[in-house]
Amino acid sequence: MKERLADKHCVPCRGGVPPLEGEELQTLVLEVGRDWKVIDGHHLWKRFDFPDFVSALDFVNRVGALAEQEGHHPDLHLTWGRVDIEIWTHKIDGLTESDFILAARIERL
């Protein structure tokens, strides 16, 4: 049985590996969850909506705790009732499996 992305853990990128491309990206984004988008083959993006600022801030704090646990840190954009998340592997300036793992684990929150 294939292990689900959300059941895996991020692996630190040491560089020297090519970013994922093409069909691999499309296959992985389908497994991540609803509304995640691959932008320009470079990063993952999703908007999360909330009824107020406090709920959005709570979500950011939970994502931050997960990011620290995984050692993989997304860009978080917090505003009233909304959080936008961007994920990519900065070391290679593109996407790796760990980016999709983090997105899938965020979906579980």
Protein backbone atom coordinates (compact mmCIF):
# COMPACT_ATOMS: atom_id res chain seq x y z
CA MET A 1 0.00 0.00 0.00
CA LYS A 2 1.34 3.42 -0.95
CA GLU A 3 2.05 5.76 1.95
CA ARG A 4 -0.05 8.94 1.88
CA LEU A 5 1.76 12.28 1.70
CA ALA A 6 0.21 13.49 4.96
CA ASP A 7 1.65 10.43 6.75
CA LYS A 8 5.21 11.23 5.66
CA HIS A 9 7.65 13.76 7.12
CA CYS A 10 9.66 16.44 5.34
CA VAL A 11 13.26 15.68 4.46
CA PRO A 12 15.75 18.56 4.53
CA CYS A 13 17.01 19.46 1.07
CA ARG A 14 20.78 19.70 0.80
CA GLY A 15 20.64 21.10 -2.73
CA GLY A 16 21.97 19.51 -5.87
CA VAL A 17 18.65 17.90 -6.80
CA PRO A 18 16.48 19.13 -9.64
CA PRO A 19 13.04 20.52 -8.83
CA LEU A 20 10.05 18.37 -9.71
CA GLU A 21 8.44 19.13 -13.07
CA GLY A 22 5.47 18.39 -15.28
CA GLU A 23 3.39 15.31 -14.64
CA GLU A 24 5.01 14.66 -11.24
CA LEU A 25 3.73 18.03 -10.03
CA GLN A 26 0.20 17.35 -11.24
CA THR A 27 0.11 13.88 -9.66
CA LEU A 28 1.31 15.18 -6.29
CA VAL A 29 -0.95 18.24 -6.16
CA LEU A 30 -3.99 16.01 -6.69
CA GLU A 31 -2.98 14.01 -3.62
CA VAL A 32 -2.44 17.10 -1.43
CA GLY A 33 -6.02 18.22 -1.15
CA ARG A 34 -8.59 20.70 -2.33
CA ASP A 35 -7.69 24.02 -3.88
CA TRP A 36 -3.89 23.78 -3.72
CA LYS A 37 -2.37 25.12 -6.92
CA VAL A 38 1.06 24.73 -8.49
CA ILE A 39 2.06 28.24 -9.60
CA ASP A 40 4.39 28.48 -12.61
CA GLY A 41 5.85 25.06 -11.76
CA HIS A 42 7.66 26.84 -8.92
CA HIS A 43 5.57 26.85 -5.73
CA LEU A 44 2.37 25.65 -4.10
CA TRP A 45 -0.29 28.16 -3.11
CA LYS A 46 -3.59 28.05 -1.27
CA ARG A 47 -5.92 30.59 0.35
CA PHE A 48 -7.70 29.71 3.59
CA ASP A 49 -10.73 31.79 4.64
CA PHE A 50 -11.82 32.39 8.23
CA PRO A 51 -14.69 34.25 9.90
CA ASP A 52 -12.36 36.69 11.72
CA PHE A 53 -8.78 37.70 12.46
CA VAL A 54 -8.43 35.62 15.63
CA SER A 55 -9.34 32.38 13.82
CA ALA A 56 -6.88 33.15 11.02
CA LEU A 57 -4.14 33.95 13.55
CA ASP A 58 -4.80 30.69 15.41
CA PHE A 59 -4.40 28.80 12.13
CA VAL A 60 -1.11 30.62 11.38
CA ASN A 61 0.17 29.62 14.82
CA ARG A 62 -0.77 25.97 14.24
CA VAL A 63 0.91 26.00 10.81
CA GLY A 64 3.97 27.61 12.39
CA ALA A 65 4.20 24.87 15.02
CA LEU A 66 3.90 22.22 12.31
CA ALA A 67 6.56 23.95 10.20
CA GLU A 68 8.98 23.98 13.15
CA GLN A 69 8.26 20.31 13.81
CA GLU A 70 8.92 19.42 10.17
CA GLY A 71 11.88 21.79 9.72
CA HIS A 72 10.22 23.15 6.58
CA HIS A 73 8.82 26.67 6.60
CA PRO A 74 6.15 28.09 4.28
CA ASP A 75 5.54 31.74 3.53
CA LEU A 76 2.43 32.77 5.47
CA HIS A 77 0.43 35.87 4.58
CA LEU A 78 -2.08 36.78 7.30
CA THR A 79 -4.84 39.35 6.92
CA TRP A 80 -8.30 39.76 8.44
CA GLY A 81 -10.19 36.51 7.79
CA ARG A 82 -7.64 35.09 5.38
CA VAL A 83 -4.32 33.26 5.24
CA ASP A 84 -2.44 32.67 1.99
CA ILE A 85 0.26 30.00 2.07
CA GLU A 86 3.12 29.57 -0.38
CA ILE A 87 5.47 26.60 -0.19
CA TRP A 88 8.62 25.78 -2.12
CA THR A 89 12.13 24.58 -1.41
CA HIS A 90 14.26 27.70 -1.33
CA LYS A 91 17.55 25.79 -1.61
CA ILE A 92 16.69 24.64 -5.14
CA ASP A 93 14.19 27.42 -5.96
CA GLY A 94 11.50 24.92 -6.88
CA LEU A 95 9.34 22.08 -5.64
CA THR A 96 10.31 18.82 -3.95
CA GLU A 97 8.19 16.06 -2.47
CA SER A 98 8.66 17.66 0.97
CA ASP A 99 6.70 20.71 -0.21
CA PHE A 100 3.73 18.51 -1.03
CA ILE A 101 4.13 16.63 2.27
CA LEU A 102 3.97 19.92 4.19
CA ALA A 103 0.89 21.02 2.22
CA ALA A 104 -0.84 17.70 2.92
CA ARG A 105 -0.02 17.96 6.62
CA ILE A 106 -1.37 21.54 6.67
CA GLU A 107 -4.60 20.21 5.14
CA ARG A 108 -4.94 17.93 8.16
CA LEU A 109 -4.94 20.92 10.51
